[in-house]
Amino acid sequence: MNWSKWIRQLHRWLSIIFTVTVIANFAAMAMGPPPAWIVYSPLIPLFLLLFSGLYMFVLPYAGRQRGEPAGERTGSV
């Protein structure tokens, strides 16, 4: 598995983790005031999603400047 596929897979799993933490946050708020660690728990996967998403966003533009064809940038076969 090359670097781009690894980042893409990590981004998918982080989105699942982020969704679960947000749902847990709303469930905890329905039961009363939640502890701070539950309120701030979605921030960690959110920031990791930000960095992996920015990487995937910039990847085609960085490859275009190097003159690589689109297939080599995305790792498709």
N, C-alpha and C. Protein backbone atom coordinates (compact mmCIF):
# COMPACT_ATOMS: atom_id res chain seq x y z
N MET A 1 0.86 -1.18 0.00
CA MET A 1 0.00 0.00 0.00
C MET A 1 0.90 1.24 0.00
N ASN A 2 0.71 2.11 -0.99
CA ASN A 2 1.57 3.28 -1.06
C ASN A 2 1.04 4.39 -0.14
N TRP A 3 1.78 5.47 -0.07
CA TRP A 3 1.52 6.56 0.87
C TRP A 3 0.14 7.18 0.66
N SER A 4 -0.27 7.44 -0.56
CA SER A 4 -1.56 8.07 -0.84
C SER A 4 -2.72 7.19 -0.42
N LYS A 5 -2.63 5.91 -0.70
CA LYS A 5 -3.70 5.00 -0.30
C LYS A 5 -3.78 4.89 1.22
N TRP A 6 -2.64 4.91 1.88
CA TRP A 6 -2.60 4.84 3.34
C TRP A 6 -3.26 6.07 3.96
N ILE A 7 -2.95 7.25 3.43
CA ILE A 7 -3.57 8.49 3.93
C ILE A 7 -5.07 8.48 3.67
N ARG A 8 -5.49 8.02 2.51
CA ARG A 8 -6.91 7.97 2.16
C ARG A 8 -7.66 7.02 3.10
N GLN A 9 -7.08 5.85 3.39
CA GLN A 9 -7.70 4.90 4.30
C GLN A 9 -7.75 5.47 5.72
N LEU A 10 -6.68 6.12 6.15
CA LEU A 10 -6.67 6.77 7.46
C LEU A 10 -7.75 7.83 7.55
N HIS A 11 -7.94 8.60 6.50
CA HIS A 11 -8.96 9.64 6.47
C HIS A 11 -10.36 9.03 6.62
N ARG A 12 -10.59 7.91 5.97
CA ARG A 12 -11.90 7.24 6.09
C ARG A 12 -12.15 6.78 7.52
N TRP A 13 -11.16 6.15 8.14
CA TRP A 13 -11.34 5.68 9.50
C TRP A 13 -11.48 6.83 10.48
N LEU A 14 -10.75 7.90 10.26
CA LEU A 14 -10.88 9.08 11.13
C LEU A 14 -12.27 9.68 11.02
N SER A 15 -12.86 9.64 9.84
CA SER A 15 -14.22 10.18 9.70
C SER A 15 -15.22 9.34 10.48
N ILE A 16 -15.02 8.03 10.51
CA ILE A 16 -15.89 7.16 11.30
C ILE A 16 -15.72 7.46 12.79
N ILE A 17 -14.48 7.60 13.24
CA ILE A 17 -14.22 7.90 14.65
C ILE A 17 -14.81 9.25 15.03
N PHE A 18 -14.66 10.23 14.15
CA PHE A 18 -15.21 11.55 14.42
C PHE A 18 -16.73 11.49 14.54
N THR A 19 -17.38 10.77 13.65
CA THR A 19 -18.84 10.64 13.69
C THR A 19 -19.30 9.98 14.99
N VAL A 20 -18.60 8.95 15.41
CA VAL A 20 -18.96 8.26 16.65
C VAL A 20 -18.79 9.19 17.86
N THR A 21 -17.72 9.97 17.89
CA THR A 21 -17.51 10.88 19.02
C THR A 21 -18.56 11.99 19.05
N VAL A 22 -19.00 12.46 17.90
CA VAL A 22 -20.05 13.48 17.86
C VAL A 22 -21.37 12.89 18.34
N ILE A 23 -21.69 11.68 17.91
CA ILE A 23 -22.92 11.03 18.37
C ILE A 23 -22.87 10.81 19.88
N ALA A 24 -21.71 10.36 20.39
CA ALA A 24 -21.56 10.18 21.83
C ALA A 24 -21.71 11.50 22.58
N ASN A 25 -21.23 12.56 21.96
CA ASN A 25 -21.34 13.89 22.56
C ASN A 25 -22.81 14.29 22.71
N PHE A 26 -23.60 14.09 21.66
CA PHE A 26 -25.02 14.44 21.72
C PHE A 26 -25.76 13.54 22.71
N ALA A 27 -25.40 12.27 22.76
CA ALA A 27 -26.04 11.36 23.70
C ALA A 27 -25.73 11.77 25.14
N ALA A 28 -24.49 12.17 25.40
CA ALA A 28 -24.12 12.60 26.74
C ALA A 28 -24.81 13.90 27.11
N MET A 29 -25.01 14.80 26.15
CA MET A 29 -25.70 16.06 26.44
C MET A 29 -27.18 15.84 26.74
N ALA A 30 -27.75 14.80 26.18
CA ALA A 30 -29.15 14.50 26.45
C ALA A 30 -29.36 14.02 27.88
N MET A 31 -28.31 13.50 28.50
CA MET A 31 -28.41 12.99 29.88
C MET A 31 -28.06 14.04 30.93
N GLY A 32 -27.69 15.21 30.50
CA GLY A 32 -27.29 16.26 31.44
C GLY A 32 -25.98 16.87 31.00
N PRO A 33 -25.42 17.69 31.84
CA PRO A 33 -24.12 18.30 31.48
C PRO A 33 -23.02 17.24 31.37
N PRO A 34 -22.41 17.10 30.18
CA PRO A 34 -21.38 16.07 30.01
C PRO A 34 -20.04 16.53 30.57
N PRO A 35 -19.17 15.58 30.90
CA PRO A 35 -17.82 15.96 31.33
C PRO A 35 -17.04 16.58 30.17
N ALA A 36 -16.03 17.33 30.51
CA ALA A 36 -15.26 18.07 29.50
C ALA A 36 -14.59 17.14 28.50
N TRP A 37 -14.14 15.96 28.93
CA TRP A 37 -13.43 15.07 27.99
C TRP A 37 -14.36 14.56 26.90
N ILE A 38 -15.64 14.44 27.19
CA ILE A 38 -16.58 14.03 26.15
C ILE A 38 -16.86 15.18 25.19
N VAL A 39 -16.95 16.38 25.73
CA VAL A 39 -17.23 17.56 24.89
C VAL A 39 -16.09 17.80 23.91
N TYR A 40 -14.85 17.65 24.37
CA TYR A 40 -13.71 17.96 23.52
C TYR A 40 -13.16 16.75 22.76
N SER A 41 -13.72 15.58 22.96
CA SER A 41 -13.19 14.38 22.29
C SER A 41 -13.29 14.43 20.77
N PRO A 42 -14.29 15.08 20.14
CA PRO A 42 -14.28 15.12 18.67
C PRO A 42 -13.17 15.99 18.07
N LEU A 43 -12.52 16.80 18.87
CA LEU A 43 -11.51 17.70 18.31
C LEU A 43 -10.27 16.98 17.79
N ILE A 44 -9.86 15.91 18.45
CA ILE A 44 -8.65 15.19 18.02
C ILE A 44 -8.83 14.61 16.62
N PRO A 45 -9.89 13.80 16.38
CA PRO A 45 -10.04 13.30 15.01
C PRO A 45 -10.36 14.41 14.00
N LEU A 46 -10.99 15.50 14.47
CA LEU A 46 -11.29 16.59 13.55
C LEU A 46 -10.01 17.24 13.03
N PHE A 47 -9.04 17.49 13.91
CA PHE A 47 -7.79 18.08 13.46
C PHE A 47 -7.00 17.12 12.57
N LEU A 48 -7.04 15.83 12.89
CA LEU A 48 -6.37 14.85 12.03
C LEU A 48 -7.05 14.77 10.67
N LEU A 49 -8.38 14.89 10.65
CA LEU A 49 -9.11 14.94 9.38
C LEU A 49 -8.73 16.18 8.57
N LEU A 50 -8.52 17.28 9.27
CA LEU A 50 -8.12 18.52 8.60
C LEU A 50 -6.79 18.31 7.86
N PHE A 51 -5.81 17.74 8.55
CA PHE A 51 -4.49 17.58 7.94
C PHE A 51 -4.50 16.55 6.82
N SER A 52 -5.18 15.43 7.02
CA SER A 52 -5.22 14.43 5.95
C SER A 52 -6.05 14.93 4.76
N GLY A 53 -7.11 15.69 5.03
CA GLY A 53 -7.91 16.26 3.94
C GLY A 53 -7.14 17.30 3.15
N LEU A 54 -6.38 18.14 3.86
CA LEU A 54 -5.56 19.13 3.16
C LEU A 54 -4.49 18.45 2.31
N TYR A 55 -3.92 17.36 2.82
CA TYR A 55 -2.93 16.63 2.04
C TYR A 55 -3.55 16.09 0.75
N MET A 56 -4.73 15.48 0.87
CA MET A 56 -5.38 14.93 -0.32
C MET A 56 -5.83 16.03 -1.27
N PHE A 57 -6.17 17.20 -0.75
CA PHE A 57 -6.57 18.32 -1.59
C PHE A 57 -5.40 18.86 -2.39
N VAL A 58 -4.23 18.95 -1.77
CA VAL A 58 -3.05 19.54 -2.41
C VAL A 58 -2.35 18.54 -3.33
N LEU A 59 -2.56 17.26 -3.11
CA LEU A 59 -1.83 16.23 -3.86
C LEU A 59 -1.91 16.39 -5.38
N PRO A 60 -3.09 16.61 -5.98
CA PRO A 60 -3.12 16.76 -7.45
C PRO A 60 -2.37 18.00 -7.93
N TYR A 61 -2.41 19.08 -7.16
CA TYR A 61 -1.72 20.30 -7.57
C TYR A 61 -0.21 20.15 -7.45
N ALA A 62 0.25 19.45 -6.44
CA ALA A 62 1.69 19.24 -6.28
C ALA A 62 2.22 18.35 -7.40
N GLY A 63 1.45 17.33 -7.80
CA GLY A 63 1.88 16.46 -8.89
C GLY A 63 1.88 17.17 -10.22
N ARG A 64 0.93 18.08 -10.41
CA ARG A 64 0.84 18.82 -11.67
C ARG A 64 2.08 19.70 -11.85
N GLN A 65 2.59 20.27 -10.77
CA GLN A 65 3.78 21.12 -10.88
C GLN A 65 5.02 20.29 -11.22
N ARG A 66 5.02 19.03 -10.79
CA ARG A 66 6.16 18.16 -11.12
C ARG A 66 6.03 17.54 -12.49
N GLY A 67 4.88 17.70 -13.13
CA GLY A 67 4.67 17.17 -14.46
C GLY A 67 4.31 15.71 -14.51
N GLU A 68 3.80 15.15 -13.41
CA GLU A 68 3.41 13.75 -13.40
C GLU A 68 2.01 13.59 -13.96
N PRO A 69 1.75 12.47 -14.64
CA PRO A 69 0.38 12.20 -15.08
C PRO A 69 -0.54 11.94 -13.89
N ALA A 70 -1.85 12.09 -14.08
CA ALA A 70 -2.81 11.98 -12.98
C ALA A 70 -2.79 10.58 -12.35
N GLY A 71 -2.57 9.53 -13.10
CA GLY A 71 -2.57 8.17 -12.56
C GLY A 71 -1.47 7.94 -11.55
N GLU A 72 -0.31 8.56 -11.75
CA GLU A 72 0.80 8.38 -10.84
C GLU A 72 0.59 9.16 -9.54
N ARG A 73 -0.12 10.28 -9.60
CA ARG A 73 -0.35 11.08 -8.39
C ARG A 73 -1.30 10.39 -7.43
N THR A 74 -2.35 9.81 -7.96
CA THR A 74 -3.37 9.23 -7.10
C THR A 74 -3.06 7.79 -6.72
N GLY A 75 -2.10 7.18 -7.34
CA GLY A 75 -1.75 5.82 -7.03
C GLY A 75 -2.62 4.79 -7.70
N SER A 76 -3.43 5.21 -8.69
CA SER A 76 -4.29 4.24 -9.38
C SER A 76 -3.47 3.42 -10.35
N VAL A 77 -3.92 2.21 -10.58
CA VAL A 77 -3.19 1.31 -11.47
C VAL A 77 -3.88 1.20 -12.78
